[in-house]
Amino acid sequence: MERIALISDVHGNLTALEAVLEDIGRRGISRIFNLGDYVGKGPRGQAVVDRCREVCEVNILGNWDDFLPDPARTEDSEGLRWWKNELREDQWAWLRGLPFCHDFLLSGRQVRLFHASARSVHHRIQFDHDEAQYRSFFENTPATGDGPVPAIVGYADIHDPYYEEDRGQVLFNTGSVGNSLGDPTPGYVILEGLVGSPEPAPFSIQFVRVPYDAEAELEVARGLGMPELDGYEAEIIRGIYRRTFYAGRAPRYHRG
């Protein structure tokens, strides 16, 4: 049996990333797959990209990784300009060139990992989806290509970890390392099984939460002069989505 750690949505939060990587290392796990959204929201996207390129065997495109470095995009806020310019230009190209999904066999089941949905990194499906949305995760699309249809799908984007299964199809969300909402404790997932094996065998999906020093990360953001500090504090300290915070509405948790 082999274990793979799935991380996602670090969003420039290097302190949370290092805490999760330390926990992964303590468990003796050497394979790490990243489901995207390395940058934006937090202060150290550049360092997060470099660290993930160093330690992650698989890196997948997220919605922030696609739109933030887009040369055709006109930056419409101080925050977006700051997060983009905090990155190096070589990182812009690397992020936008990441693959859409990653497929592999685990204990006789086809697994597919992507960031948001089978359609696009910008097409969001929440945990309270309907039947048609659920089935859409397991379809081949122009974005995924025409490989074997998956029986297990893992995705990210919504920052809400959950597990669901129906009629042999398993769907789960990894939650978020650097911007977990509702419960602001960083989360990730461990897959265990026979990787690459077409033969049926036991497999498991484990959800992990890792405490870290969020106040220290907020101090880094403050010291670097990052914009939208009050929104960032609402997210990483209280787990409240920044748009909900700024609008003064009752909390509704998540959004990538």
Protein backbone atom coordinates (compact mmCIF):
# COMPACT_ATOMS: atom_id res chain seq x y z
CA MET A 1 0.00 0.00 0.00
CA GLU A 2 1.21 3.48 -0.85
CA ARG A 3 0.09 6.88 0.41
CA ILE A 4 -0.24 10.15 -1.54
CA ALA A 5 -0.87 13.51 0.13
CA LEU A 6 -3.22 15.83 -1.74
CA ILE A 7 -2.90 19.53 -0.97
CA SER A 8 -4.58 22.55 -2.55
CA ASP A 9 -5.48 26.22 -2.24
CA VAL A 10 -2.35 27.35 -0.43
CA HIS A 11 -3.02 30.90 -1.64
CA GLY A 12 0.33 32.39 -0.69
CA ASN A 13 0.14 31.20 2.94
CA LEU A 14 3.65 29.84 3.45
CA THR A 15 3.26 29.30 7.21
CA ALA A 16 0.28 26.99 6.68
CA LEU A 17 2.04 25.18 3.84
CA GLU A 18 5.12 24.46 5.94
CA ALA A 19 2.97 23.15 8.80
CA VAL A 20 1.17 20.77 6.46
CA LEU A 21 4.41 19.65 4.81
CA GLU A 22 5.88 18.93 8.25
CA ASP A 23 2.86 16.78 9.11
CA ILE A 24 3.12 14.94 5.81
CA GLY A 25 6.80 14.29 6.45
CA ARG A 26 6.15 12.99 9.97
CA ARG A 27 3.78 10.43 8.48
CA GLY A 28 6.51 9.21 6.14
CA ILE A 29 4.64 10.27 2.98
CA SER A 30 6.93 11.20 0.11
CA ARG A 31 4.44 11.74 -2.74
CA ILE A 32 2.55 15.04 -2.80
CA PHE A 33 0.04 16.14 -5.45
CA ASN A 34 -1.11 19.77 -5.55
CA LEU A 35 -4.58 20.60 -6.94
CA GLY A 36 -3.91 24.27 -7.59
CA ASP A 37 -4.42 27.85 -6.38
CA TYR A 38 -0.88 28.50 -5.19
CA VAL A 39 -1.25 32.28 -5.29
CA GLY A 40 -3.49 35.24 -4.42
CA LYS A 41 -5.17 36.16 -1.13
CA GLY A 42 -1.98 35.64 0.94
CA PRO A 43 1.38 37.43 1.05
CA ARG A 44 3.96 34.92 -0.19
CA GLY A 45 2.84 33.46 -3.50
CA GLN A 46 6.38 33.56 -4.86
CA ALA A 47 7.78 31.44 -2.03
CA VAL A 48 4.80 29.06 -2.17
CA VAL A 49 5.27 28.45 -5.90
CA ASP A 50 8.97 27.74 -5.41
CA ARG A 51 8.30 25.40 -2.50
CA CYS A 52 5.59 23.48 -4.33
CA ARG A 53 7.78 23.10 -7.40
CA GLU A 54 10.38 21.62 -5.08
CA VAL A 55 8.24 19.14 -3.14
CA CYS A 56 5.16 18.32 -5.24
CA GLU A 57 5.35 15.47 -7.73
CA VAL A 58 2.18 16.65 -9.48
CA ASN A 59 1.06 20.28 -9.83
CA ILE A 60 -2.36 21.15 -11.32
CA LEU A 61 -3.80 24.44 -12.57
CA GLY A 62 -6.14 26.45 -10.33
CA ASN A 63 -8.39 29.36 -11.20
CA TRP A 64 -6.15 31.95 -9.50
CA ASP A 65 -3.11 30.46 -11.23
CA ASP A 66 -4.83 30.98 -14.57
CA PHE A 67 -6.36 34.44 -14.25
CA LEU A 68 -3.91 36.30 -11.99
CA PRO A 69 -0.89 36.09 -14.38
CA ASP A 70 -3.02 36.48 -17.55
CA PRO A 71 -1.24 39.12 -19.68
CA ALA A 72 -4.56 40.12 -21.26
CA ARG A 73 -6.17 40.83 -17.90
CA THR A 74 -6.60 44.40 -16.72
CA GLU A 75 -6.03 44.42 -12.97
CA ASP A 76 -9.11 45.86 -11.33
CA SER A 77 -8.01 46.11 -7.71
CA GLU A 78 -4.98 47.02 -5.66
CA GLY A 79 -4.93 43.51 -4.22
CA LEU A 80 -4.80 41.77 -7.61
CA ARG A 81 -1.97 44.05 -8.75
CA TRP A 82 -0.05 43.39 -5.54
CA TRP A 83 -0.43 39.58 -5.66
CA LYS A 84 0.58 39.45 -9.33
CA ASN A 85 3.62 41.69 -8.94
CA GLU A 86 4.79 39.77 -5.86
CA LEU A 87 5.43 36.86 -8.24
CA ARG A 88 8.33 36.62 -10.68
CA GLU A 89 7.57 36.72 -14.40
CA ASP A 90 8.91 33.17 -14.89
CA GLN A 91 6.34 32.01 -12.33
CA TRP A 92 3.51 33.60 -14.31
CA ALA A 93 4.33 31.36 -17.28
CA TRP A 94 4.80 28.27 -15.10
CA LEU A 95 1.44 28.72 -13.40
CA ARG A 96 -0.55 29.23 -16.61
CA GLY A 97 1.18 26.23 -18.20
CA LEU A 98 0.12 23.73 -15.53
CA PRO A 99 -1.99 20.72 -16.61
CA PHE A 100 -5.76 20.78 -16.10
CA CYS A 101 -6.04 17.36 -14.44
CA HIS A 102 -4.13 14.26 -13.39
CA ASP A 103 -5.41 10.69 -13.90
CA PHE A 104 -4.05 7.46 -12.42
CA LEU A 105 -5.09 4.04 -11.15
CA LEU A 106 -5.52 3.29 -7.46
CA SER A 107 -6.40 -0.23 -6.30
CA GLY A 108 -8.19 -1.01 -9.55
CA ARG A 109 -10.12 2.27 -9.72
CA GLN A 110 -9.53 5.14 -12.10
CA VAL A 111 -8.82 8.37 -10.20
CA ARG A 112 -9.06 11.88 -11.63
CA LEU A 113 -7.89 15.04 -9.84
CA PHE A 114 -8.65 18.59 -10.95
CA HIS A 115 -9.19 21.98 -9.36
CA ALA A 116 -12.84 23.00 -9.73
CA SER A 117 -14.90 20.92 -12.16
CA ALA A 118 -14.48 18.74 -15.24
CA ARG A 119 -15.41 21.72 -17.42
CA SER A 120 -13.07 24.53 -16.33
CA VAL A 121 -10.98 25.85 -13.45
CA HIS A 122 -13.45 28.75 -13.43
CA HIS A 123 -16.60 26.60 -13.23
CA ARG A 124 -17.40 26.20 -9.54
CA ILE A 125 -19.55 23.45 -8.01
CA GLN A 126 -20.30 23.75 -4.30
CA PHE A 127 -20.74 20.90 -1.81
CA ASP A 128 -24.55 21.41 -1.91
CA HIS A 129 -24.79 20.39 -5.59
CA ASP A 130 -27.61 18.63 -7.41
CA GLU A 131 -27.62 15.19 -9.07
CA ALA A 132 -26.67 16.51 -12.51
CA GLN A 133 -23.72 18.41 -11.08
CA TYR A 134 -22.58 15.33 -9.20
CA ARG A 135 -22.60 13.18 -12.35
CA SER A 136 -20.77 15.88 -14.30
CA PHE A 137 -17.64 15.33 -12.21
CA PHE A 138 -17.23 11.85 -13.74
CA GLU A 139 -17.59 12.83 -17.41
CA ASN A 140 -14.91 13.39 -20.00
CA THR A 141 -14.83 16.93 -21.39
CA PRO A 142 -12.62 18.88 -23.78
CA ALA A 143 -10.69 20.02 -20.70
CA THR A 144 -10.09 16.53 -19.26
CA GLY A 145 -9.53 14.72 -22.56
CA ASP A 146 -10.82 11.30 -23.60
CA GLY A 147 -9.09 9.01 -21.12
CA PRO A 148 -10.80 6.32 -19.06
CA VAL A 149 -13.81 7.68 -17.17
CA PRO A 150 -12.96 8.03 -13.47
CA ALA A 151 -14.62 6.18 -10.60
CA ILE A 152 -12.97 8.44 -7.99
CA VAL A 153 -12.76 12.21 -8.40
CA GLY A 154 -10.94 14.61 -6.09
CA TYR A 155 -11.20 18.36 -6.47
CA ALA A 156 -10.45 21.59 -4.59
CA ASP A 157 -11.50 25.23 -5.18
CA ILE A 158 -14.42 25.59 -2.73
CA HIS A 159 -12.30 25.26 0.45
CA ASP A 160 -14.90 22.90 1.94
CA PRO A 161 -13.62 19.34 2.56
CA TYR A 162 -16.23 16.61 2.12
CA TYR A 163 -16.75 13.04 0.94
CA GLU A 164 -19.65 11.58 -1.06
CA GLU A 165 -20.30 8.32 -2.89
CA ASP A 166 -23.12 6.91 -4.98
CA ARG A 167 -23.40 3.81 -7.17
CA GLY A 168 -19.68 3.15 -7.33
CA GLN A 169 -18.67 6.76 -7.89
CA VAL A 170 -16.66 8.50 -5.15
CA LEU A 171 -16.32 12.29 -4.96
CA PHE A 172 -14.27 14.21 -2.40
CA ASN A 173 -12.92 17.70 -1.83
CA THR A 174 -9.48 18.28 -0.34
CA GLY A 175 -10.33 21.47 1.52
CA SER A 176 -7.69 24.21 1.66
CA VAL A 177 -4.21 24.46 3.13
CA GLY A 178 -3.83 28.23 3.26
CA ASN A 179 -7.37 29.62 3.21
CA SER A 180 -9.65 27.14 4.95
CA LEU A 181 -13.07 28.64 5.65
CA GLY A 182 -15.61 27.75 8.29
CA ASP A 183 -12.89 26.02 10.29
CA PRO A 184 -9.72 28.01 9.44
CA THR A 185 -7.45 25.07 10.35
CA PRO A 186 -5.49 23.94 7.24
CA GLY A 187 -6.66 20.67 5.74
CA TYR A 188 -5.43 18.09 3.27
CA VAL A 189 -6.23 14.54 2.15
CA ILE A 190 -4.30 11.27 2.15
CA LEU A 191 -5.06 8.63 -0.49
CA GLU A 192 -3.90 5.10 0.30
CA GLY A 193 -3.95 2.08 -1.99
CA LEU A 194 -2.06 0.24 -4.69
CA VAL A 195 -1.00 3.05 -7.00
CA GLY A 196 -0.96 2.08 -10.68
CA SER A 197 -2.58 -1.31 -10.07
CA PRO A 198 -5.52 -2.37 -12.29
CA GLU A 199 -6.46 -5.09 -9.79
CA PRO A 200 -9.11 -4.41 -7.11
CA ALA A 201 -7.58 -3.86 -3.67
CA PRO A 202 -8.33 -1.92 -0.49
CA PHE A 203 -8.08 1.85 -0.64
CA SER A 204 -8.84 4.71 1.74
CA ILE A 205 -9.35 8.46 1.79
CA GLN A 206 -8.32 10.27 4.99
CA PHE A 207 -8.97 13.91 5.90
CA VAL A 208 -6.37 15.69 8.02
CA ARG A 209 -6.39 19.03 9.87
CA VAL A 210 -3.10 20.66 10.92
CA PRO A 211 -3.00 23.60 13.40
CA TYR A 212 -0.54 26.40 12.62
CA ASP A 213 0.36 29.94 13.71
CA ALA A 214 -2.10 32.02 11.69
CA GLU A 215 -1.24 35.17 13.66
CA ALA A 216 2.38 34.87 12.50
CA GLU A 217 1.25 34.64 8.88
CA LEU A 218 -0.94 37.71 9.33
CA GLU A 219 2.06 39.59 10.75
CA VAL A 220 4.07 38.69 7.63
CA ALA A 221 1.30 40.08 5.44
CA ARG A 222 1.17 43.24 7.53
CA GLY A 223 4.95 43.68 7.40
CA LEU A 224 4.97 43.34 3.61
CA GLY A 225 2.23 45.92 3.22
CA MET A 226 -0.22 43.53 1.58
CA PRO A 227 -3.60 45.11 0.72
CA GLU A 228 -6.95 43.77 2.00
CA LEU A 229 -5.49 42.85 5.39
CA ASP A 230 -8.84 42.99 7.18
CA GLY A 231 -10.34 40.54 4.68
CA TYR A 232 -7.33 38.25 4.99
CA GLU A 233 -7.62 38.34 8.78
CA ALA A 234 -11.32 37.43 8.56
CA GLU A 235 -10.43 34.39 6.44
CA ILE A 236 -7.37 32.91 8.13
CA ILE A 237 -8.26 33.80 11.74
CA ARG A 238 -12.06 33.48 11.77
CA GLY A 239 -12.74 31.40 8.66
CA ILE A 240 -15.11 34.00 7.16
CA TYR A 241 -15.00 34.54 3.39
CA ARG A 242 -13.71 38.05 2.69
CA ARG A 243 -16.57 39.06 0.38
CA THR A 244 -19.05 38.10 3.08
CA PHE A 245 -16.99 40.07 5.60
CA TYR A 246 -16.81 43.22 3.47
CA ALA A 247 -20.53 43.04 2.65
CA GLY A 248 -21.46 42.64 6.33
CA ARG A 249 -23.58 39.57 5.60
CA ALA A 250 -23.99 36.45 7.70
CA PRO A 251 -21.10 34.03 6.95
CA ARG A 252 -21.45 31.64 4.05
CA TYR A 253 -18.41 29.44 3.92
CA HIS A 254 -16.15 29.02 1.17
CA ARG A 255 -15.28 30.33 -2.30
CA GLY A 256 -11.99 29.91 -4.05
